[in-house]
Every structure is written in structure tokens, then in C-alpha cells.
Amino acid sequence: MEKIKSFFAQCRRVWTILKKPSKEEFRTISKISAIGILAIGLVGFIIGAIMKIFS
């Protein structure tokens, strides 16, 4: 029971520190996330194509 109380106390502390990101921060985070998703997808596609060629 003590762990649960501690967890919620930590959650409450983090929630009070949070702030809404500015439009510029949001755009930057979105661009970086999109690049990461595309890179992972590209790597998966390349590996899949190589596997198909050699099988």
C-alpha cells in the first residue's frame, strides 16, 4: 500500500511541474518523431527487401 501512495505522490509532483509546450517546441518534437519513425520504417523495409532477395 505504501508503494501505491508513493507512486501517486510522485505523479502529483510531476503533474505540478508540467507545462504546455510552445508551438515551436511542439513542431520540433513532431519533426524529430516523424524522422525517427520514417528511419525505423526504412530500415525495416530494407531488411525485408534483402531477406526477400536472398530467400
N, C-alpha and C. Protein backbone atom coordinates (compact mmCIF):
# COMPACT_ATOMS: atom_id res chain seq x y z
N MET A 1 0.83 -1.19 0.00
CA MET A 1 0.00 0.00 0.00
C MET A 1 0.87 1.26 0.00
N GLU A 2 2.01 1.17 0.66
CA GLU A 2 2.92 2.33 0.73
C GLU A 2 3.49 2.66 -0.64
N LYS A 3 3.75 1.62 -1.45
CA LYS A 3 4.28 1.86 -2.79
C LYS A 3 3.29 2.61 -3.65
N ILE A 4 2.02 2.28 -3.51
CA ILE A 4 0.98 2.95 -4.30
C ILE A 4 0.89 4.42 -3.90
N LYS A 5 0.91 4.70 -2.61
CA LYS A 5 0.86 6.09 -2.14
C LYS A 5 2.08 6.86 -2.64
N SER A 6 3.23 6.24 -2.60
CA SER A 6 4.45 6.89 -3.07
C SER A 6 4.37 7.16 -4.57
N PHE A 7 3.85 6.21 -5.31
CA PHE A 7 3.71 6.39 -6.76
C PHE A 7 2.81 7.57 -7.07
N PHE A 8 1.65 7.66 -6.40
CA PHE A 8 0.74 8.76 -6.67
C PHE A 8 1.31 10.10 -6.21
N ALA A 9 2.10 10.10 -5.15
CA ALA A 9 2.76 11.33 -4.71
C ALA A 9 3.76 11.80 -5.76
N GLN A 10 4.50 10.87 -6.35
CA GLN A 10 5.44 11.23 -7.41
C GLN A 10 4.70 11.72 -8.65
N CYS A 11 3.60 11.08 -8.99
CA CYS A 11 2.80 11.51 -10.14
C CYS A 11 2.28 12.93 -9.93
N ARG A 12 1.80 13.22 -8.75
CA ARG A 12 1.28 14.55 -8.44
C ARG A 12 2.39 15.59 -8.53
N ARG A 13 3.58 15.26 -8.07
CA ARG A 13 4.72 16.18 -8.13
C ARG A 13 5.09 16.48 -9.58
N VAL A 14 5.12 15.45 -10.43
CA VAL A 14 5.44 15.65 -11.84
C VAL A 14 4.35 16.48 -12.51
N TRP A 15 3.09 16.21 -12.19
CA TRP A 15 1.98 16.92 -12.81
C TRP A 15 2.05 18.42 -12.52
N THR A 16 2.51 18.79 -11.32
CA THR A 16 2.59 20.22 -10.99
C THR A 16 3.74 20.91 -11.73
N ILE A 17 4.74 20.15 -12.15
CA ILE A 17 5.89 20.73 -12.85
C ILE A 17 5.62 20.89 -14.34
N LEU A 18 4.71 20.10 -14.88
CA LEU A 18 4.46 20.11 -16.32
C LEU A 18 4.02 21.47 -16.83
N LYS A 19 4.40 21.76 -18.08
CA LYS A 19 3.93 22.96 -18.74
C LYS A 19 3.59 22.62 -20.18
N LYS A 20 2.69 23.38 -20.76
CA LYS A 20 2.30 23.15 -22.14
C LYS A 20 3.43 23.63 -23.06
N PRO A 21 3.83 22.79 -24.03
CA PRO A 21 4.92 23.22 -24.93
C PRO A 21 4.44 24.33 -25.87
N SER A 22 5.38 25.18 -26.25
CA SER A 22 5.06 26.23 -27.22
C SER A 22 4.88 25.59 -28.60
N LYS A 23 4.37 26.38 -29.54
CA LYS A 23 4.16 25.84 -30.89
C LYS A 23 5.49 25.42 -31.51
N GLU A 24 6.54 26.18 -31.26
CA GLU A 24 7.85 25.85 -31.82
C GLU A 24 8.39 24.54 -31.23
N GLU A 25 8.25 24.37 -29.91
CA GLU A 25 8.68 23.12 -29.28
C GLU A 25 7.89 21.94 -29.83
N PHE A 26 6.58 22.12 -29.99
CA PHE A 26 5.74 21.05 -30.50
C PHE A 26 6.14 20.67 -31.92
N ARG A 27 6.40 21.67 -32.76
CA ARG A 27 6.82 21.40 -34.14
C ARG A 27 8.14 20.65 -34.17
N THR A 28 9.09 21.07 -33.34
CA THR A 28 10.40 20.40 -33.30
C THR A 28 10.26 18.96 -32.87
N ILE A 29 9.50 18.72 -31.82
CA ILE A 29 9.29 17.35 -31.32
C ILE A 29 8.60 16.51 -32.38
N SER A 30 7.61 17.09 -33.06
CA SER A 30 6.89 16.36 -34.10
C SER A 30 7.81 15.99 -35.26
N LYS A 31 8.65 16.92 -35.68
CA LYS A 31 9.58 16.65 -36.78
C LYS A 31 10.56 15.54 -36.41
N ILE A 32 11.12 15.61 -35.22
CA ILE A 32 12.09 14.60 -34.78
C ILE A 32 11.42 13.23 -34.69
N SER A 33 10.19 13.20 -34.15
CA SER A 33 9.47 11.93 -34.05
C SER A 33 9.17 11.36 -35.43
N ALA A 34 8.75 12.21 -36.36
CA ALA A 34 8.45 11.74 -37.71
C ALA A 34 9.69 11.20 -38.40
N ILE A 35 10.82 11.89 -38.23
CA ILE A 35 12.07 11.41 -38.83
C ILE A 35 12.45 10.06 -38.24
N GLY A 36 12.30 9.90 -36.94
CA GLY A 36 12.61 8.62 -36.30
C GLY A 36 11.72 7.49 -36.79
N ILE A 37 10.43 7.76 -36.91
CA ILE A 37 9.51 6.73 -37.40
C ILE A 37 9.84 6.36 -38.84
N LEU A 38 10.12 7.35 -39.67
CA LEU A 38 10.48 7.07 -41.06
C LEU A 38 11.78 6.29 -41.16
N ALA A 39 12.76 6.62 -40.32
CA ALA A 39 14.04 5.91 -40.34
C ALA A 39 13.85 4.45 -39.95
N ILE A 40 13.08 4.20 -38.91
CA ILE A 40 12.83 2.82 -38.48
C ILE A 40 12.08 2.06 -39.57
N GLY A 41 11.09 2.70 -40.19
CA GLY A 41 10.36 2.06 -41.28
C GLY A 41 11.25 1.76 -42.47
N LEU A 42 12.14 2.69 -42.79
CA LEU A 42 13.05 2.48 -43.91
C LEU A 42 14.01 1.32 -43.64
N VAL A 43 14.52 1.25 -42.43
CA VAL A 43 15.41 0.14 -42.07
C VAL A 43 14.66 -1.19 -42.17
N GLY A 44 13.44 -1.22 -41.67
CA GLY A 44 12.63 -2.44 -41.76
C GLY A 44 12.34 -2.83 -43.21
N PHE A 45 12.06 -1.84 -44.05
CA PHE A 45 11.80 -2.11 -45.46
C PHE A 45 13.04 -2.67 -46.14
N ILE A 46 14.19 -2.06 -45.85
CA ILE A 46 15.44 -2.53 -46.47
C ILE A 46 15.76 -3.95 -46.03
N ILE A 47 15.60 -4.24 -44.75
CA ILE A 47 15.86 -5.59 -44.25
C ILE A 47 14.89 -6.58 -44.89
N GLY A 48 13.61 -6.19 -44.99
CA GLY A 48 12.63 -7.07 -45.63
C GLY A 48 12.95 -7.33 -47.09
N ALA A 49 13.40 -6.28 -47.81
CA ALA A 49 13.76 -6.44 -49.22
C ALA A 49 14.97 -7.35 -49.37
N ILE A 50 15.96 -7.18 -48.51
CA ILE A 50 17.14 -8.02 -48.56
C ILE A 50 16.79 -9.47 -48.28
N MET A 51 15.93 -9.68 -47.29
CA MET A 51 15.51 -11.04 -46.93
C MET A 51 14.75 -11.69 -48.10
N LYS A 52 13.94 -10.90 -48.80
CA LYS A 52 13.17 -11.44 -49.91
C LYS A 52 14.09 -11.77 -51.08
N ILE A 53 15.12 -10.97 -51.31
CA ILE A 53 16.05 -11.21 -52.41
C ILE A 53 16.83 -12.50 -52.16
N PHE A 54 17.29 -12.72 -50.93
CA PHE A 54 18.16 -13.86 -50.64
C PHE A 54 17.40 -15.12 -50.24
N SER A 55 16.09 -15.09 -50.22
CA SER A 55 15.37 -16.32 -49.85
C SER A 55 14.76 -17.00 -51.04
